[in-house]
Protein backbone atom coordinates (compact mmCIF):
# COMPACT_ATOMS: atom_id res chain seq x y z
CA MET A 1 71.68 128.88 81.77
CA VAL A 2 72.56 126.47 79.04
CA PHE A 3 72.25 122.93 80.01
CA SER A 4 75.26 121.74 77.40
CA GLU A 5 77.63 123.77 78.78
CA PHE A 6 80.84 121.78 80.38
CA SER A 7 80.21 123.78 83.72
CA VAL A 8 76.62 122.04 84.09
CA TRP A 9 77.83 119.12 83.95
CA SER A 10 81.62 119.09 85.73
CA PHE A 11 80.80 117.89 89.26
CA VAL A 12 78.58 114.61 87.69
CA LEU A 13 81.38 114.12 85.39
CA ILE A 14 83.86 114.18 88.37
CA VAL A 15 81.67 111.94 90.60
CA ALA A 16 81.08 109.46 88.25
CA VAL A 17 84.63 109.14 87.37
CA LEU A 18 85.10 108.61 91.17
CA LEU A 19 81.92 105.91 91.25
CA PHE A 20 83.53 104.20 87.73
CA SER A 21 86.88 103.59 89.70
CA LEU A 22 85.37 102.03 92.36
CA LEU A 23 83.58 99.46 90.56
CA LEU A 24 86.60 98.84 88.65
CA ALA A 25 88.60 98.38 91.42
CA SER A 26 86.36 95.68 93.10
CA THR A 27 86.12 94.16 89.70
CA LEU A 28 89.41 93.99 89.67
CA LYS A 29 89.97 92.41 92.99
CA ARG A 30 87.25 89.75 91.84
CA PHE A 31 89.47 88.61 88.84
CA ILE A 32 92.66 89.13 90.40
CA PRO A 33 94.05 86.77 93.09
CA ALA A 34 96.91 89.07 94.26
CA LEU A 35 94.91 91.97 94.64
CA GLU A 36 92.16 89.85 96.98
CA LYS A 37 94.64 88.68 98.91
CA SER A 38 96.38 92.31 99.51
CA LEU A 39 93.08 93.08 101.38
CA ILE A 40 93.52 96.58 100.03
CA PRO A 41 89.87 98.46 100.31
CA SER A 42 88.27 98.92 96.75
CA SER A 43 88.35 103.00 97.82
CA VAL A 44 92.08 102.65 98.05
CA LEU A 45 92.78 100.71 94.83
CA GLY A 46 90.06 103.09 92.67
CA GLY A 47 91.92 106.21 94.20
CA ILE A 48 95.80 105.00 93.15
CA VAL A 49 94.23 103.75 89.73
CA LEU A 50 92.98 107.33 89.47
CA LEU A 51 95.85 108.62 90.60
CA VAL A 52 98.22 106.77 88.33
CA ILE A 53 96.42 108.07 85.57
CA SER A 54 96.35 111.77 86.69
CA THR A 55 99.85 112.01 86.87
CA ILE A 56 100.50 110.25 83.55
CA THR A 57 98.34 112.88 81.90
CA TYR A 58 100.23 115.35 83.66
CA PHE A 59 103.44 114.47 82.26
CA ALA A 60 101.56 114.25 79.14
CA ALA A 61 99.47 116.98 78.67
CA GLY A 62 100.98 119.40 81.03
CA ASP A 63 97.83 119.07 83.57
CA TYR A 64 96.60 116.84 85.95
CA LEU A 65 93.69 114.64 84.63
CA PHE A 66 90.74 116.34 86.73
CA ASN A 67 92.50 119.95 85.67
CA LEU A 68 91.63 119.13 82.04
CA GLY A 69 88.79 120.94 80.56
CA VAL A 70 86.04 118.23 80.47
CA PHE A 71 86.51 118.61 84.60
CA SER A 72 87.49 121.43 85.06
CA PRO A 73 85.53 124.11 82.58
CA SER A 74 87.40 127.66 82.17
CA ASP A 75 84.39 129.71 83.70
CA SER A 76 84.00 127.31 86.68
CA THR A 77 84.56 128.63 90.01
CA TYR A 78 87.13 125.26 91.32
CA SER A 79 89.55 123.57 89.18
CA GLY A 80 88.48 119.97 89.15
CA ILE A 81 91.31 118.99 91.70
CA GLU A 82 89.94 121.20 93.98
CA ILE A 83 86.50 120.19 93.62
CA LEU A 84 88.26 116.43 94.79
CA GLU A 85 89.49 118.13 97.67
CA LEU A 86 85.68 119.61 98.47
CA ILE A 87 84.19 116.15 98.08
CA THR A 88 86.84 114.78 100.51
CA TYR A 89 86.19 117.54 103.02
CA HIS A 90 82.63 117.33 103.20
CA CYS A 91 82.49 113.79 102.96
CA LEU A 92 84.19 113.51 106.13
CA GLY A 93 81.63 115.41 107.51
CA LEU A 94 78.67 113.74 106.30
CA GLY A 95 80.38 110.43 107.53
CA PHE A 96 80.18 111.16 110.89
CA VAL A 97 77.16 112.67 111.27
CA ALA A 98 75.48 109.45 109.83
CA MET A 99 77.65 106.80 111.93
CA GLY A 100 76.68 109.82 114.77
CA MET A 101 73.13 109.25 114.21
CA ARG A 102 73.13 105.76 114.94
CA SER A 103 71.73 104.57 118.30
CA SER A 104 73.18 101.54 120.43
CA LYS A 105 70.32 99.32 122.62
CA LYS A 106 73.68 97.30 123.56
CA LYS A 107 74.58 97.08 127.82
CA PHE A 108 78.20 96.13 128.20
CA THR A 109 79.27 95.31 131.69
CA LYS A 110 81.86 96.22 133.76
CA HIS A 111 84.81 94.50 132.46
CA ARG A 112 83.24 95.08 128.94
CA ALA A 113 82.68 98.98 129.34
CA GLY A 114 86.46 98.87 130.73
CA GLU A 115 87.73 97.24 127.18
CA VAL A 116 86.15 99.70 125.58
CA PHE A 117 87.08 102.78 127.40
CA ASP A 118 91.27 100.94 127.07
CA SER A 119 90.50 101.25 123.35
CA GLY A 120 89.63 104.41 122.96
CA VAL A 121 92.74 105.59 125.35
CA ILE A 122 94.99 103.44 123.04
CA THR A 123 93.91 105.19 120.33
CA VAL A 124 94.52 108.39 121.42
CA SER A 125 97.92 107.49 123.04
CA THR A 126 98.71 106.17 119.52
CA TYR A 127 98.04 109.04 117.73
CA LEU A 128 100.21 110.67 120.44
CA LEU A 129 103.37 108.56 119.72
CA GLN A 130 102.76 109.16 115.15
CA ALA A 131 102.59 112.53 116.11
CA PHE A 132 105.64 112.71 118.41
CA PHE A 133 107.91 110.72 116.18
CA GLY A 134 106.44 112.97 113.08
CA ILE A 135 107.08 115.90 114.63
CA ALA A 136 111.13 114.40 115.65
CA ILE A 137 111.13 113.57 111.93
CA THR A 138 110.13 116.93 110.63
CA MET A 139 111.85 119.20 112.90
CA ILE A 140 115.58 117.20 112.05
CA ALA A 141 115.14 117.50 108.50
CA VAL A 142 114.26 121.45 108.63
CA ALA A 143 117.14 121.97 111.33
CA ALA A 144 119.62 119.83 110.42
CA PHE A 145 118.97 119.14 106.75
CA HIS A 146 117.44 122.45 105.76
CA VAL A 147 114.33 120.88 103.90
CA SER A 148 112.77 123.68 101.90
CA GLY A 149 108.73 124.00 101.75
CA LEU A 150 108.92 122.01 105.11
CA ILE A 151 107.63 123.36 108.61
CA ASP A 152 108.99 121.91 112.37
CA ALA A 153 105.35 120.90 112.83
CA ALA A 154 104.58 119.05 109.46
CA GLY A 155 104.98 115.57 111.09
CA ILE A 156 102.27 116.11 113.22
CA LEU A 157 100.41 115.39 110.26
CA LEU A 158 101.24 111.46 110.64
CA ALA A 159 98.65 111.39 113.48
CA PHE A 160 96.18 112.75 111.41
CA GLY A 161 96.68 110.90 108.41
CA PHE A 162 97.58 107.58 109.74
CA GLY A 163 95.54 107.66 112.81
CA GLN A 164 92.76 109.62 111.11
CA GLY A 165 92.65 108.98 107.33
CA THR A 166 92.24 110.79 104.07
CA GLY A 167 89.51 114.27 105.20
CA GLN A 168 91.46 115.07 108.49
CA ALA A 169 94.73 114.78 106.84
CA LEU A 170 93.38 117.09 104.01
CA ASN A 171 91.72 119.78 106.51
CA TYR A 172 94.98 120.07 108.67
CA GLY A 173 97.45 119.97 105.46
CA VAL A 174 95.60 123.04 104.05
CA ILE A 175 95.72 125.20 107.37
CA TYR A 176 99.71 124.31 107.36
CA GLU A 177 99.81 125.62 104.00
CA GLY A 178 99.14 129.00 105.46
CA TYR A 179 102.15 128.41 107.65
CA GLY A 180 104.53 127.74 105.02
CA LEU A 181 104.10 124.02 104.25
CA GLU A 182 104.39 123.81 100.28
CA GLY A 183 101.28 121.90 99.38
CA GLY A 184 100.24 120.87 102.89
CA GLY A 185 96.79 119.12 101.35
CA ASN A 186 98.96 117.04 98.93
CA PHE A 187 101.26 116.34 102.08
CA GLY A 188 98.58 115.14 104.83
CA LEU A 189 96.64 113.36 101.74
CA THR A 190 99.90 111.41 100.62
CA ILE A 191 100.41 110.24 104.41
CA ALA A 192 96.80 108.61 104.16
CA ALA A 193 97.62 107.36 101.45
CA LEU A 194 100.86 105.48 102.11
CA GLY A 195 98.61 104.54 105.93
CA PHE A 196 96.36 102.36 104.04
CA LEU A 197 99.25 100.85 101.95
CA VAL A 198 100.97 100.17 105.56
CA ALA A 199 97.77 98.71 107.13
CA CYS A 200 97.44 96.74 104.00
CA ILE A 201 101.25 95.20 103.49
CA VAL A 202 101.27 94.99 107.20
CA GLY A 203 98.05 93.41 108.10
CA VAL A 204 98.68 90.86 105.34
CA ILE A 205 101.81 89.57 106.28
CA TYR A 206 100.75 89.58 109.94
CA LEU A 207 98.41 87.13 109.16
CA ASN A 208 100.27 84.84 107.23
CA VAL A 209 103.01 84.55 109.79
CA LEU A 210 100.28 83.88 112.02
CA ARG A 211 98.82 81.28 109.51
CA ARG A 212 101.96 79.61 108.81
CA LYS A 213 102.59 79.62 112.25
CA GLY A 214 98.95 77.46 112.85
CA VAL A 215 98.18 80.26 115.32
CA ILE A 216 94.89 81.19 113.25
CA SER A 217 93.34 80.43 110.69
CA VAL A 218 91.96 82.44 108.09
CA ASN A 219 88.61 82.95 108.06
CA LYS A 220 86.63 83.59 104.46
CA GLU A 221 82.99 83.40 105.94
CA GLU A 222 81.78 86.47 104.75
CA LYS A 223 78.91 87.99 107.18
CA ARG A 224 75.42 88.37 106.07
CA ALA A 225 72.52 90.40 107.26
CA GLU A 226 69.82 89.00 108.94
CA LEU A 227 66.26 90.85 108.85
CA SER A 228 66.73 92.50 112.65
CA ASP A 229 69.90 93.87 110.87
CA TYR A 230 67.88 95.72 108.63
CA GLU A 231 65.51 97.47 110.88
CA ASP A 232 64.10 97.37 114.51
CA GLU A 233 60.56 97.17 115.82
CA ASN A 234 57.95 100.26 115.29
CA GLU A 235 60.19 101.87 112.96
CA ILE A 236 58.79 104.10 110.02
CA PRO A 237 57.79 102.13 107.23
CA VAL A 238 60.66 101.88 103.84
CA VAL A 239 57.57 103.22 101.75
CA SER A 240 55.44 105.75 102.42
CA SER A 241 54.68 109.62 101.59
CA MET A 242 58.03 110.29 102.01
CA ASP A 243 60.85 106.99 101.29
CA LYS A 244 62.46 106.18 104.17
CA LEU A 245 66.01 106.26 102.61
CA THR A 246 65.17 110.09 102.13
CA VAL A 247 64.73 110.70 105.75
CA GLN A 248 67.68 109.39 106.59
CA PHE A 249 69.80 111.35 104.19
CA ALA A 250 67.56 114.18 105.28
CA ILE A 251 68.67 114.04 108.62
CA VAL A 252 71.78 113.99 108.07
CA ILE A 253 72.02 116.87 105.44
CA ILE A 254 70.04 119.32 108.07
CA ILE A 255 72.57 118.45 111.02
CA TYR A 256 75.73 119.01 108.58
CA SER A 257 73.84 122.14 107.81
CA VAL A 258 73.46 123.25 111.17
CA SER A 259 77.52 122.51 111.75
CA TYR A 260 78.03 124.90 109.07
CA LEU A 261 76.12 127.73 110.60
CA ILE A 262 78.11 127.13 114.19
CA MET A 263 81.34 127.61 112.41
CA ALA A 264 80.36 130.42 110.46
CA GLY A 265 78.65 132.00 113.70
CA LEU A 266 82.06 131.02 115.65
CA SER A 267 84.47 132.62 112.56
CA ALA A 268 82.17 135.75 112.86
CA LEU A 269 83.36 135.89 116.73
CA LEU A 270 86.65 134.65 116.29
CA PRO A 271 87.87 135.60 112.81
CA SER A 272 91.59 134.35 113.00
CA LEU A 273 90.62 131.06 113.79
CA GLU A 274 88.22 130.64 110.81
CA ASN A 275 90.22 127.93 109.33
CA VAL A 276 90.61 126.21 112.29
CA LEU A 277 87.28 126.24 113.12
CA PHE A 278 85.93 124.72 109.63
CA GLY A 279 88.74 122.46 109.98
CA PHE A 280 86.64 121.15 112.97
CA ASN A 281 83.21 120.21 110.28
CA PHE A 282 83.01 116.29 111.66
CA LEU A 283 83.61 116.81 114.97
CA ILE A 284 80.96 119.76 115.11
CA GLY A 285 78.65 117.95 113.25
CA THR A 286 79.02 114.68 115.71
CA LEU A 287 78.26 116.46 118.58
CA LEU A 288 75.33 117.80 117.10
CA THR A 289 73.49 113.99 117.00
CA VAL A 290 73.91 113.59 120.59
CA PRO A 291 71.07 116.35 121.57
CA VAL A 292 69.25 115.45 118.20
CA LYS A 293 69.11 111.87 119.21
CA ALA A 294 68.28 112.85 122.81
CA VAL A 295 65.10 115.12 121.13
CA LEU A 296 63.97 112.06 119.19
CA ASN A 297 64.24 109.91 122.01
CA LYS A 298 62.22 111.75 124.29
CA LEU A 299 59.36 113.24 121.99
CA GLN A 300 59.21 109.15 121.13
CA SER A 301 58.63 108.51 125.19
CA LYS A 302 56.48 111.40 125.09
CA LYS A 303 54.44 109.23 122.13
CA ILE A 304 54.45 112.64 120.66
CA ILE A 305 56.41 110.68 117.72
CA LYS A 306 55.00 107.06 117.62
CA GLN A 307 58.02 105.46 115.55
CA GLN A 308 61.26 105.53 115.40
CA ILE A 309 62.71 107.75 112.73
CA VAL A 310 66.21 106.73 112.52
CA ASN A 311 67.46 103.65 110.76
CA ASN A 312 70.48 101.86 112.01
CA PHE A 313 70.83 100.10 108.69
CA MET A 314 70.67 102.77 106.33
CA MET A 315 72.84 105.38 108.37
CA ASN A 316 75.95 103.02 108.31
CA ARG A 317 74.98 102.54 104.41
CA ILE A 318 74.92 106.50 104.33
CA GLY A 319 78.38 106.67 106.47
CA GLY A 320 79.97 103.83 104.35
CA PHE A 321 79.00 105.61 100.84
CA ALA A 322 80.31 109.25 102.22
CA PHE A 323 83.74 107.57 103.40
CA ASP A 324 84.01 105.37 100.13
CA LEU A 325 83.80 108.69 98.50
CA MET A 326 86.21 110.31 100.37
CA ILE A 327 89.13 108.14 100.35
CA VAL A 328 88.57 107.54 96.33
CA SER A 329 88.43 111.26 95.83
CA GLY A 330 91.61 112.04 98.62
CA VAL A 331 93.58 109.90 96.98
CA ALA A 332 92.80 110.96 93.47
CA ALA A 333 93.48 114.46 94.15
CA ILE A 334 97.19 113.75 95.12
CA GLN A 335 99.35 115.92 92.83
CA LEU A 336 102.71 113.74 92.97
CA PRO A 337 105.00 115.91 91.28
CA LEU A 338 104.10 118.92 94.02
CA LEU A 339 105.93 116.12 96.62
CA LYS A 340 109.50 115.90 95.02
CA GLY A 341 111.13 117.51 97.72
CA HIS A 342 109.33 115.71 100.23
CA TRP A 343 109.57 111.88 99.16
CA ALA A 344 112.41 111.60 101.48
CA VAL A 345 110.95 112.86 104.25
CA LEU A 346 107.02 111.10 103.74
CA LEU A 347 108.85 107.55 103.30
CA LEU A 348 110.50 107.89 106.27
CA MET A 349 107.62 109.09 108.52
CA ALA A 350 105.79 106.06 106.67
CA VAL A 351 108.04 103.73 108.04
CA ALA A 352 108.28 105.44 111.34
CA GLY A 353 104.29 105.21 111.43
CA ALA A 354 104.30 101.50 110.75
CA ALA A 355 107.01 100.53 113.02
CA ILE A 356 105.76 102.49 116.37
CA THR A 357 101.87 102.06 115.62
CA PHE A 358 102.74 98.26 115.14
CA ALA A 359 104.93 97.78 118.26
CA TYR A 360 102.22 99.64 120.67
CA VAL A 361 99.03 98.42 119.61
CA TYR A 362 100.43 94.92 119.80
CA PHE A 363 102.19 95.04 123.00
CA THR A 364 99.16 97.06 124.51
CA SER A 365 96.85 94.09 122.68
CA LYS A 366 98.89 91.43 124.63
CA THR A 367 98.91 92.99 127.81
CA LEU A 368 95.64 94.18 128.34
CA PHE A 369 93.24 91.87 125.81
CA GLY A 370 94.87 88.55 126.33
CA GLY A 371 91.69 86.72 125.44
CA TYR A 372 91.31 88.36 121.77
CA VAL A 373 94.81 89.84 121.50
CA HIS A 374 94.92 88.65 117.55
CA GLU A 375 91.35 90.32 116.66
CA GLN A 376 92.04 93.15 118.81
CA PHE A 377 95.14 93.81 117.62
CA LEU A 378 94.21 93.42 113.99
CA ALA A 379 90.98 95.71 114.23
CA MET A 380 93.35 98.47 116.02
CA PHE A 381 96.29 98.37 113.87
CA GLY A 382 94.15 98.45 110.50
CA MET A 383 91.82 101.75 111.80
CA LEU A 384 95.10 103.32 112.83
CA THR A 385 96.92 103.11 109.87
CA GLY A 386 94.18 103.59 107.77
CA THR A 387 90.31 103.83 108.81
CA ALA A 388 87.74 101.96 110.82
CA SER A 389 86.95 100.09 107.48
CA THR A 390 90.40 98.86 106.82
CA GLY A 391 90.53 97.39 110.71
CA ILE A 392 87.17 95.90 110.07
CA ILE A 393 88.34 94.57 106.26
CA LEU A 394 91.50 93.12 108.75
CA LEU A 395 89.88 91.79 111.65
CA ARG A 396 87.16 89.89 109.21
CA GLU A 397 90.05 87.52 108.11
CA ILE A 398 90.29 86.10 110.87
CA ASP A 399 86.90 86.51 112.92
CA GLY A 400 84.21 86.50 109.81
CA SER A 401 80.92 86.41 111.99
CA TYR A 402 82.49 88.74 114.52
CA ARG A 403 82.36 86.49 117.66
CA SER A 404 85.15 88.51 119.45
CA PRO A 405 84.78 91.98 121.15
CA ALA A 406 87.27 93.60 118.95
CA SER A 407 84.71 95.08 116.83
CA GLU A 408 82.29 96.44 119.20
CA ASN A 409 85.51 97.75 120.73
CA LEU A 410 86.41 99.64 117.26
CA VAL A 411 83.18 101.27 117.28
CA TYR A 412 82.71 102.02 120.97
CA GLN A 413 85.78 103.64 121.24
CA SER A 414 85.11 106.77 119.26
CA LEU A 415 83.48 108.35 122.19
CA PRO A 416 86.42 108.33 125.16
CA ALA A 417 89.09 108.73 121.84
CA ILE A 418 87.00 112.03 121.19
CA VAL A 419 87.32 112.96 124.66
CA PHE A 420 91.15 112.35 125.15
CA GLY A 421 92.07 113.47 121.89
CA PHE A 422 89.95 116.58 121.43
CA PRO A 423 93.49 118.40 122.85
CA LEU A 424 95.56 117.19 119.96
CA MET A 425 93.44 119.14 117.37
CA PHE A 426 93.89 122.54 119.46
CA LEU A 427 97.53 121.46 119.97
CA ALA A 428 98.17 120.55 115.70
CA THR A 429 96.87 124.36 115.18
CA TYR A 430 99.56 125.82 118.27
CA ALA A 431 102.26 123.72 116.75
CA CYS A 432 102.59 125.49 113.15
CA LEU A 433 102.69 129.14 114.64
CA GLY A 434 106.24 128.57 114.89
CA ARG A 435 109.53 126.38 116.00
CA THR A 436 109.08 127.54 119.75
CA GLU A 437 105.63 126.78 119.82
CA CYS A 438 106.53 123.85 118.10
CA LEU A 439 109.06 122.61 120.53
CA ILE A 440 106.39 123.03 123.73
CA THR A 441 103.56 121.10 121.64
CA PHE A 442 106.52 118.46 121.24
CA ALA A 443 106.79 117.99 125.12
CA VAL A 444 103.00 118.70 125.69
CA ILE A 445 102.46 115.42 123.60
CA LEU A 446 105.08 113.71 125.69
CA LEU A 447 103.82 114.12 128.88
CA PHE A 448 99.97 113.40 127.55
CA PHE A 449 101.49 110.05 126.21
CA ILE A 450 102.71 109.50 129.82
CA ALA A 451 99.29 110.55 131.45
CA LEU A 452 97.28 108.06 128.99
CA ASN A 453 99.52 105.52 129.93
CA VAL A 454 99.53 105.56 133.67
CA LEU A 455 95.57 105.90 132.80
CA LEU A 456 95.67 103.12 130.70
CA TYR A 457 97.85 100.35 133.08
CA ARG A 458 96.21 101.60 136.20
CA ARG A 459 95.41 97.87 137.60
CA GLN A 460 99.35 96.98 136.58
CA ILE A 461 100.23 100.07 138.49
CA PHE A 462 98.02 100.47 141.24
CA ARG A 463 97.28 96.93 141.24
CA LYS A 464 97.56 96.92 145.10
CA TRP A 465 95.12 99.70 145.95
CA PHE A 466 92.90 97.55 143.04
CA ARG A 467 93.34 94.29 145.01
CA LYS A 468 92.88 96.13 148.12
CA ALA A 469 89.20 97.98 147.17
CA ALA A 470 88.19 94.56 145.33
CA VAL A 471 88.32 92.77 148.70
CA ALA A 472 86.73 95.79 150.39
CA GLU A 473 83.94 95.24 148.11
CA ALA A 474 83.47 91.33 148.47
CA ALA A 475 83.50 92.27 151.85
CA THR A 476 80.57 94.53 151.88
CA THR A 477 78.66 92.45 149.64
CA GLU A 478 79.29 89.68 151.77
CA GLU A 479 77.78 91.82 155.06
CA GLU A 480 74.91 92.88 152.58
CA GLY A 481 74.08 89.02 152.41
CA ALA A 482 74.44 88.36 156.10
CA GLU A 483 71.73 91.16 156.47
CA VAL A 484 69.31 89.88 154.30
CA ALA A 485 69.56 86.23 155.73
CA ASP A 486 69.12 87.61 158.80
CA GLY A 487 65.73 89.37 157.71
CA ASP A 488 64.93 86.00 156.05
CA SER A 489 65.04 83.77 159.35
CA SER A 490 63.54 86.34 161.62
CA THR A 491 60.95 86.22 159.33
CA ALA A 492 60.97 82.38 158.88
CA ASP A 493 60.47 82.32 162.84
CA ASP A 494 57.58 84.43 162.88
CA SER A 495 55.80 82.38 160.34
CA PRO A 496 54.97 79.46 162.49
CA SER A 497 53.26 81.40 164.81
CA VAL A 498 51.17 83.15 162.11
CA GLY A 499 50.48 79.67 160.55
CA GLY A 500 49.65 78.27 163.97
CA ASN A 501 46.93 81.36 164.21
CA GLU A 502 45.85 80.19 161.14
């Protein structure tokens, strides 16, 4: 190995350019008021800057920026664009593992638990709605307009690009390439990028309309972390024989590596599902965090481990770094010339996705979250067109101190969302097999959406039953209270005689 060769440094140079674009985007937002007001995340802005430069380079030099020699040596296994896709893929899994390792000691009331549950159901219902309209658009494009290089099931990527972000859009886009979707990875990444723009543009318009009407006042207060936000009691020291951050990284990397072993083992047993299984890298990694946390908690309760190992603040930072890198690399990896035949379909999907997501999330927020309609809407709309961080950015404009429960709903809804959203991932891999399978998936998605909304509006639909249950519960509580009171009075009757004997 010769350390002066490009192949030794190419990966470092790519990551350096990605991080520089993040710093540049952050600086531009500070000095250009229009960008600051746009609320566009720095990671998205940085990715767009690189995308523009890469596209200009393609027409000027005949290849994309990251495929040039300095980033993509001839003796390298992967081209620069492929390395960007690898970074996007792995950062998705690492980010989810880091976020999954966070612990929560917060206890919810029955009402708050219901709101968190409803937020998770809304999340999956929106995925289904996006997938339904997305499939409808691509099926019409293929059947009526004979758009080449497109497949019926391609529209389901609207749910992954808008609803779940860059990583999943790339994963399923690459899977769909094997079933006839030309530039599937780019197709998914472009939908995700359009989703971020929708979140920012529509979110800003919504905020400005409400502000002009005097409904809300935009909050520019920045939330500052307190000492308790950095660490809990009885945690391992920040610096000892091993740095505390090193411990957090080690946990995340080890769990993610175990997820690879599981995927590799399952792929050996089910070789036909290899691509699908490796598309679940983020989900398997997240699920692994559950037993890992349980074991660590058990060891701590048995005093085998005397200090808390996992630090929530650092896990948040690892997850934030991974997601920032994922987004900027994902947007930068888009190859616009490959999508020249799909732009009409992509733009139509983006407009439809924006409209149905806005309408559905606003209606559910207004119906089910009466105490904080606008906060809930902004958080959920931002997440369901971009990522959770986009939702937080929009929410922060009117709730900078996170006084409303909207931020908690955004964080804790992930568990019910994973449970109810899991079937969608299998439907997505079934839909691409052919037109018949796509039609079956289309029907199943509609039925699943109806079923989830019956669950979501259970209190309104079964109002009489819930009212009777509440009355019965109140009556039972009164009876138990009367029995306790009787017991207390008999004890009180006995007490004077006891006192007299004394």
